[in-house]
Structure formats: C-alpha cells, structure tokens
Amino acid sequence: MLARLQDRHISLTDAAGQSVDDQFLELAGVLGEAIDADAAVVDGVWTAQPFIGNGQELRRRAQALVEEGLVDKPPDPTELETRRAFVAVDLVELDGASLREIPYAERRRLLESVMQESGRVRISPAVRVPVQPWLDAWRSNGFAFYMAKHVNSRYHPGEVAEDWLVLRAKADRTPAPRRRLFGRRSTTVDPSE
C-alpha cells in the first residue's frame, strides 16, 4: 500500500489505488509517528511477517483449527498473528518532490533517513548476493517471495519494473529457471537451490 503523509495526516491507498484509511486506523497512527518529513509517500506492506519468528508454527496452528472443526479451511497464518508492523519498501515522494526517476539506491538512502524504525515500523532488508542464506532465513519465517531491485532502477507506480525480479523464497521440487538479476554484468540466482 501507499502511505501519504501531508500536514501530519496519513492517508492510505491499496494496490488498486482505493482509500483504505477506515480499515487501517492503527497503521495511520503508527506511521504518523515514524515518518520524519513534512510530506512523503512511502510504498510498503502492513504485515505480521516481521514478528512470526517461526512461520511453520503459525501454519500448524492454522491447520489445527481445521482439524478441530472450528473452520472449514485454514486461515492465512498471518491472520493468527495479532502484532502488526509496516514494512517500508520504497520512497516515492519526499517533501513534494517526486523520486520516481531517482535510482533505487538513492531512494533507499532517503527512505532510511526519513523512516524511524521501531518494532512497529521496519525497512525491508537490502541484501547483496549471495542471497541463499537470506532465502533460507526468509523461508523459515514463512515468507513466500522477495523482490530484487536493481540499484539503478526507477519507480514505476502500480507495476513491477523490467529491472525488478520477483523470486520465490519457497523451495519446491521443480527446478526453477536461472534468472538474470543485475543486467549485463549479471549475477544469476536460482531460487530453488
């Protein structure tokens, strides 16, 4: 979702551009304290993921609800986690200036300068290859995918840019194709390894 700070007020929109202010009053309060700017637009996710510790355990709890006959199908494991956090993934505007044409590495630096991290507000981790240890850790925490962005990529509202790559963190038995991650002088990542 996008969080827009203007005049110390936070407004929130979902991926479809629809206002979700009424559904996320708690998030607006959390972000109002966390963004240190006069105006900003932050792209992020309101999630339980940073807290789950053991994603396997939450999946077992979800399945137990089915086995006990309390629900027909297992709920999303993150619904069983009541502690939530906003994970900021990108900075789109700062103090009235669009950052869409600024390279990701610079947007990331600016994001880190305006977001005050806490238990309720996180900045998504930026990692470099090799990524396998990170994939293993994210997999064990229940994450299903991650996004790789080229350090020079621009922000494209509402779409995955050509130089972004969505990789599965989940291991499966079918071999995944090797994909180029960083252009001409690329490093390849096989998410199934």
C-alpha atoms as a PDB file:
ATOM      1  CA  MET A   1       0.000   0.000   0.000  1.00  0.00           C
ATOM      2  CA  LEU A   2       0.987   3.641  -0.304  1.00  0.00           C
ATOM      3  CA  ALA A   3       1.142   5.820   2.794  1.00  0.00           C
ATOM      4  CA  ARG A   4       0.940   9.554   2.063  1.00  0.00           C
ATOM      5  CA  LEU A   5       1.988  11.992   4.793  1.00  0.00           C
ATOM      6  CA  GLN A   6       0.738  15.558   4.359  1.00  0.00           C
ATOM      7  CA  ASP A   7       0.220  18.115   7.143  1.00  0.00           C
ATOM      8  CA  ARG A   8       0.942  15.424   9.788  1.00  0.00           C
ATOM      9  CA  HIS A   9      -2.008  13.388   8.435  1.00  0.00           C
ATOM     10  CA  ILE A  10      -1.539   9.906   6.939  1.00  0.00           C
ATOM     11  CA  SER A  11      -3.764   8.714   4.099  1.00  0.00           C
ATOM     12  CA  LEU A  12      -3.515   5.132   2.851  1.00  0.00           C
ATOM     13  CA  THR A  13      -4.296   3.544  -0.500  1.00  0.00           C
ATOM     14  CA  ASP A  14      -4.170  -0.091  -1.557  1.00  0.00           C
ATOM     15  CA  ALA A  15      -2.561  -1.555  -4.685  1.00  0.00           C
ATOM     16  CA  ALA A  16      -5.675  -0.675  -6.695  1.00  0.00           C
ATOM     17  CA  GLY A  17      -5.450   2.986  -5.620  1.00  0.00           C
ATOM     18  CA  GLN A  18      -8.514   2.748  -3.336  1.00  0.00           C
ATOM     19  CA  SER A  19      -8.556   4.523   0.018  1.00  0.00           C
ATOM     20  CA  VAL A  20      -8.190   2.139   2.961  1.00  0.00           C
ATOM     21  CA  ASP A  21      -7.985   4.760   5.709  1.00  0.00           C
ATOM     22  CA  ASP A  22     -11.019   3.370   7.577  1.00  0.00           C
ATOM     23  CA  GLN A  23      -9.612  -0.173   7.598  1.00  0.00           C
ATOM     24  CA  PHE A  24      -6.149   0.772   8.857  1.00  0.00           C
ATOM     25  CA  LEU A  25      -6.601   3.407  11.558  1.00  0.00           C
ATOM     26  CA  GLU A  26      -3.913   1.734  13.687  1.00  0.00           C
ATOM     27  CA  LEU A  27      -1.421   1.916  10.816  1.00  0.00           C
ATOM     28  CA  ALA A  28      -2.060   5.620  10.261  1.00  0.00           C
ATOM     29  CA  GLY A  29      -1.194   6.299  13.895  1.00  0.00           C
ATOM     30  CA  VAL A  30       1.964   4.187  13.713  1.00  0.00           C
ATOM     31  CA  LEU A  31       3.196   5.913  10.545  1.00  0.00           C
ATOM     32  CA  GLY A  32       2.349   9.395  11.764  1.00  0.00           C
ATOM     33  CA  GLU A  33       4.987   8.934  14.451  1.00  0.00           C
ATOM     34  CA  ALA A  34       7.528   7.184  12.217  1.00  0.00           C
ATOM     35  CA  ILE A  35       7.907   9.415   9.150  1.00  0.00           C
ATOM     36  CA  ASP A  36      10.272  12.313   9.791  1.00  0.00           C
ATOM     37  CA  ALA A  37       9.358  14.651   6.925  1.00  0.00           C
ATOM     38  CA  ASP A  38       6.903  17.421   6.128  1.00  0.00           C
ATOM     39  CA  ALA A  39       5.434  15.373   3.291  1.00  0.00           C
ATOM     40  CA  ALA A  40       6.219  11.916   1.916  1.00  0.00           C
ATOM     41  CA  VAL A  41       4.786   8.973   0.012  1.00  0.00           C
ATOM     42  CA  VAL A  42       6.047   5.590   1.199  1.00  0.00           C
ATOM     43  CA  ASP A  43       5.392   2.256  -0.511  1.00  0.00           C
ATOM     44  CA  GLY A  44       5.106  -0.610   1.955  1.00  0.00           C
ATOM     45  CA  VAL A  45       3.238  -3.534   3.465  1.00  0.00           C
ATOM     46  CA  TRP A  46       1.224  -3.804   6.717  1.00  0.00           C
ATOM     47  CA  THR A  47       2.075  -7.301   7.814  1.00  0.00           C
ATOM     48  CA  ALA A  48       2.594  -9.735  10.650  1.00  0.00           C
ATOM     49  CA  GLN A  49       5.610 -11.275   8.945  1.00  0.00           C
ATOM     50  CA  PRO A  50       8.372  -9.496  10.884  1.00  0.00           C
ATOM     51  CA  PHE A  51       7.050 -10.968  14.122  1.00  0.00           C
ATOM     52  CA  ILE A  52       6.142 -14.539  13.315  1.00  0.00           C
ATOM     53  CA  GLY A  53       9.534 -16.000  14.135  1.00  0.00           C
ATOM     54  CA  ASN A  54       8.518 -19.478  13.122  1.00  0.00           C
ATOM     55  CA  GLY A  55       6.197 -19.496  10.112  1.00  0.00           C
ATOM     56  CA  GLN A  56       5.903 -23.275  10.379  1.00  0.00           C
ATOM     57  CA  GLU A  57       4.313 -22.924  13.824  1.00  0.00           C
ATOM     58  CA  LEU A  58       1.649 -20.495  12.577  1.00  0.00           C
ATOM     59  CA  ARG A  59       0.843 -22.827   9.676  1.00  0.00           C
ATOM     60  CA  ARG A  60       0.447 -25.707  12.161  1.00  0.00           C
ATOM     61  CA  ARG A  61      -1.902 -23.566  14.282  1.00  0.00           C
ATOM     62  CA  ALA A  62      -3.960 -22.734  11.178  1.00  0.00           C
ATOM     63  CA  GLN A  63      -4.239 -26.415  10.224  1.00  0.00           C
ATOM     64  CA  ALA A  64      -5.189 -27.345  13.813  1.00  0.00           C
ATOM     65  CA  LEU A  65      -8.231 -25.059  13.546  1.00  0.00           C
ATOM     66  CA  VAL A  66      -9.431 -27.145  10.582  1.00  0.00           C
ATOM     67  CA  GLU A  67      -8.723 -30.453  12.308  1.00  0.00           C
ATOM     68  CA  GLU A  68     -10.667 -29.319  15.385  1.00  0.00           C
ATOM     69  CA  GLY A  69     -13.625 -28.441  13.131  1.00  0.00           C
ATOM     70  CA  LEU A  70     -13.530 -24.759  14.056  1.00  0.00           C
ATOM     71  CA  VAL A  71     -13.104 -23.572  10.452  1.00  0.00           C
ATOM     72  CA  ASP A  72     -13.649 -25.160   7.012  1.00  0.00           C
ATOM     73  CA  LYS A  73     -10.328 -24.102   5.539  1.00  0.00           C
ATOM     74  CA  PRO A  74      -7.113 -22.939   7.184  1.00  0.00           C
ATOM     75  CA  PRO A  75      -6.876 -19.174   7.608  1.00  0.00           C
ATOM     76  CA  ASP A  76      -3.879 -17.295   6.315  1.00  0.00           C
ATOM     77  CA  PRO A  77      -1.268 -17.928   9.020  1.00  0.00           C
ATOM     78  CA  THR A  78      -0.560 -14.207   9.312  1.00  0.00           C
ATOM     79  CA  GLU A  79      -4.178 -13.708  10.443  1.00  0.00           C
ATOM     80  CA  LEU A  80      -3.291 -15.661  13.581  1.00  0.00           C
ATOM     81  CA  GLU A  81      -0.613 -13.111  14.422  1.00  0.00           C
ATOM     82  CA  THR A  82      -2.092 -10.020  16.026  1.00  0.00           C
ATOM     83  CA  ARG A  83       1.072  -7.930  16.263  1.00  0.00           C
ATOM     84  CA  ARG A  84       1.500  -5.968  13.043  1.00  0.00           C
ATOM     85  CA  ALA A  85       4.225  -3.826  11.512  1.00  0.00           C
ATOM     86  CA  PHE A  86       4.569  -1.621   8.476  1.00  0.00           C
ATOM     87  CA  VAL A  87       7.480  -2.696   6.295  1.00  0.00           C
ATOM     88  CA  ALA A  88       8.601   0.215   4.098  1.00  0.00           C
ATOM     89  CA  VAL A  89       9.942  -0.938   0.735  1.00  0.00           C
ATOM     90  CA  ASP A  90      10.379   2.296  -1.235  1.00  0.00           C
ATOM     91  CA  LEU A  91      10.118   6.079  -1.041  1.00  0.00           C
ATOM     92  CA  VAL A  92       8.107   7.591  -3.895  1.00  0.00           C
ATOM     93  CA  GLU A  93       7.934  11.290  -2.942  1.00  0.00           C
ATOM     94  CA  LEU A  94       9.674  13.450  -0.361  1.00  0.00           C
ATOM     95  CA  ASP A  95       8.643  16.962   0.659  1.00  0.00           C
ATOM     96  CA  GLY A  96       6.655  17.457  -2.540  1.00  0.00           C
ATOM     97  CA  ALA A  97       9.342  16.188  -4.932  1.00  0.00           C
ATOM     98  CA  SER A  98       8.784  13.026  -6.953  1.00  0.00           C
ATOM     99  CA  LEU A  99      11.543  10.447  -6.569  1.00  0.00           C
ATOM    100  CA  ARG A 100      10.303   8.130  -9.335  1.00  0.00           C
ATOM    101  CA  GLU A 101      13.222   8.898 -11.643  1.00  0.00           C
ATOM    102  CA  ILE A 102      15.830   8.703  -8.874  1.00  0.00           C
ATOM    103  CA  PRO A 103      17.816   5.411  -8.818  1.00  0.00           C
ATOM    104  CA  TYR A 104      16.673   2.889  -6.217  1.00  0.00           C
ATOM    105  CA  ALA A 105      19.932   3.101  -4.244  1.00  0.00           C
ATOM    106  CA  GLU A 106      19.345   6.823  -3.653  1.00  0.00           C
ATOM    107  CA  ARG A 107      15.630   6.343  -2.874  1.00  0.00           C
ATOM    108  CA  ARG A 108      16.683   3.684  -0.372  1.00  0.00           C
ATOM    109  CA  ARG A 109      19.165   6.064   1.299  1.00  0.00           C
ATOM    110  CA  LEU A 110      16.464   8.732   1.552  1.00  0.00           C
ATOM    111  CA  LEU A 111      13.950   6.191   2.900  1.00  0.00           C
ATOM    112  CA  GLU A 112      16.386   5.217   5.653  1.00  0.00           C
ATOM    113  CA  SER A 113      16.838   8.901   6.525  1.00  0.00           C
ATOM    114  CA  VAL A 114      13.105   9.639   6.992  1.00  0.00           C
ATOM    115  CA  MET A 115      11.716   6.385   8.454  1.00  0.00           C
ATOM    116  CA  GLN A 116      12.226   5.955  12.184  1.00  0.00           C
ATOM    117  CA  GLU A 117      12.383   2.185  12.642  1.00  0.00           C
ATOM    118  CA  SER A 118      10.802   0.520  15.649  1.00  0.00           C
ATOM    119  CA  GLY A 119       9.047  -2.723  16.475  1.00  0.00           C
ATOM    120  CA  ARG A 120       6.038  -1.445  14.507  1.00  0.00           C
ATOM    121  CA  VAL A 121       7.910   0.110  11.568  1.00  0.00           C
ATOM    122  CA  ARG A 122      10.583  -1.672   9.575  1.00  0.00           C
ATOM    123  CA  ILE A 123      12.514  -1.000   6.411  1.00  0.00           C
ATOM    124  CA  SER A 124      12.736  -4.032   4.152  1.00  0.00           C
ATOM    125  CA  PRO A 125      16.210  -5.538   4.208  1.00  0.00           C
ATOM    126  CA  ALA A 126      18.517  -4.745   1.320  1.00  0.00           C
ATOM    127  CA  VAL A 127      20.913  -7.600   0.656  1.00  0.00           C
ATOM    128  CA  ARG A 128      23.554  -8.437  -1.899  1.00  0.00           C
ATOM    129  CA  VAL A 129      24.448 -11.734  -3.497  1.00  0.00           C
ATOM    130  CA  PRO A 130      24.876 -14.448  -2.429  1.00  0.00           C
ATOM    131  CA  VAL A 131      21.225 -14.498  -1.406  1.00  0.00           C
ATOM    132  CA  GLN A 132      20.812 -18.161  -0.482  1.00  0.00           C
ATOM    133  CA  PRO A 133      21.336 -17.619   3.281  1.00  0.00           C
ATOM    134  CA  TRP A 134      18.729 -14.861   3.166  1.00  0.00           C
ATOM    135  CA  LEU A 135      16.291 -17.051   1.216  1.00  0.00           C
ATOM    136  CA  ASP A 136      16.739 -19.817   3.785  1.00  0.00           C
ATOM    137  CA  ALA A 137      16.039 -17.419   6.651  1.00  0.00           C
ATOM    138  CA  TRP A 138      13.005 -15.862   4.961  1.00  0.00           C
ATOM    139  CA  ARG A 139      11.663 -19.309   4.047  1.00  0.00           C
ATOM    140  CA  SER A 140      11.898 -20.433   7.673  1.00  0.00           C
ATOM    141  CA  ASN A 141       9.994 -17.305   8.727  1.00  0.00           C
ATOM    142  CA  GLY A 142       7.125 -18.047   6.346  1.00  0.00           C
ATOM    143  CA  PHE A 143       7.877 -15.595   3.536  1.00  0.00           C
ATOM    144  CA  ALA A 144       6.750 -16.785   0.103  1.00  0.00           C
ATOM    145  CA  PHE A 145       8.712 -14.415  -2.178  1.00  0.00           C
ATOM    146  CA  TYR A 146      11.018 -11.470  -2.314  1.00  0.00           C
ATOM    147  CA  MET A 147      11.642  -8.694  -4.816  1.00  0.00           C
ATOM    148  CA  ALA A 148      15.076  -7.917  -6.217  1.00  0.00           C
ATOM    149  CA  LYS A 149      15.521  -4.353  -7.489  1.00  0.00           C
ATOM    150  CA  HIS A 150      18.475  -3.164  -9.497  1.00  0.00           C
ATOM    151  CA  VAL A 151      20.301  -0.367  -7.651  1.00  0.00           C
ATOM    152  CA  ASN A 152      19.693   1.949 -10.630  1.00  0.00           C
ATOM    153  CA  SER A 153      16.024   1.057 -11.165  1.00  0.00           C
ATOM    154  CA  ARG A 154      13.361   3.731 -11.314  1.00  0.00           C
ATOM    155  CA  TYR A 155       9.997   3.558  -9.530  1.00  0.00           C
ATOM    156  CA  HIS A 156       7.062   2.569 -11.752  1.00  0.00           C
ATOM    157  CA  PRO A 157       3.744   3.112  -9.950  1.00  0.00           C
ATOM    158  CA  GLY A 158       1.425   0.122  -9.943  1.00  0.00           C
ATOM    159  CA  GLU A 159       3.733  -2.234 -11.817  1.00  0.00           C
ATOM    160  CA  VAL A 160       6.801  -4.397 -11.466  1.00  0.00           C
ATOM    161  CA  ALA A 161       9.567  -2.666 -13.419  1.00  0.00           C
ATOM    162  CA  GLU A 162      11.580  -4.582 -16.018  1.00  0.00           C
ATOM    163  CA  ASP A 163      14.674  -4.431 -13.811  1.00  0.00           C
ATOM    164  CA  TRP A 164      12.868  -5.814 -10.745  1.00  0.00           C
ATOM    165  CA  LEU A 165      12.663  -9.530 -10.181  1.00  0.00           C
ATOM    166  CA  VAL A 166      10.195 -11.425  -8.002  1.00  0.00           C
ATOM    167  CA  LEU A 167      11.731 -14.640  -6.690  1.00  0.00           C
ATOM    168  CA  ARG A 168      10.109 -17.412  -4.717  1.00  0.00           C
ATOM    169  CA  ALA A 169      11.515 -17.977  -1.257  1.00  0.00           C
ATOM    170  CA  LYS A 170       9.618 -21.266  -1.023  1.00  0.00           C
ATOM    171  CA  ALA A 171      11.519 -24.347  -2.100  1.00  0.00           C
ATOM    172  CA  ASP A 172       9.701 -26.787  -4.319  1.00  0.00           C
ATOM    173  CA  ARG A 173      10.726 -29.899  -6.153  1.00  0.00           C
ATOM    174  CA  THR A 174      10.520 -28.484  -9.670  1.00  0.00           C
ATOM    175  CA  PRO A 175      13.687 -26.807 -10.860  1.00  0.00           C
ATOM    176  CA  ALA A 176      13.279 -23.078 -11.339  1.00  0.00           C
ATOM    177  CA  PRO A 177      14.894 -21.381 -14.328  1.00  0.00           C
ATOM    178  CA  ARG A 178      18.013 -19.392 -13.660  1.00  0.00           C
ATOM    179  CA  ARG A 179      17.272 -15.713 -13.967  1.00  0.00           C
ATOM    180  CA  ARG A 180      19.413 -12.690 -14.591  1.00  0.00           C
ATOM    181  CA  LEU A 181      19.400 -10.396 -11.607  1.00  0.00           C
ATOM    182  CA  PHE A 182      21.595  -7.431 -12.435  1.00  0.00           C
ATOM    183  CA  GLY A 183      21.634  -6.896 -16.202  1.00  0.00           C
ATOM    184  CA  ARG A 184      24.706  -7.199 -18.447  1.00  0.00           C
ATOM    185  CA  ARG A 185      27.225  -7.848 -15.693  1.00  0.00           C
ATOM    186  CA  SER A 186      24.710 -10.096 -14.030  1.00  0.00           C
ATOM    187  CA  THR A 187      24.720 -12.484 -11.198  1.00  0.00           C
ATOM    188  CA  THR A 188      22.252 -15.305 -11.556  1.00  0.00           C
ATOM    189  CA  VAL A 189      20.130 -16.595  -8.755  1.00  0.00           C
ATOM    190  CA  ASP A 190      18.397 -19.956  -8.755  1.00  0.00           C
ATOM    191  CA  PRO A 191      15.656 -19.670  -6.118  1.00  0.00           C
ATOM    192  CA  SER A 192      15.278 -23.456  -5.906  1.00  0.00           C
ATOM    193  CA  GLU A 193      18.894 -24.090  -4.874  1.00  0.00           C
END
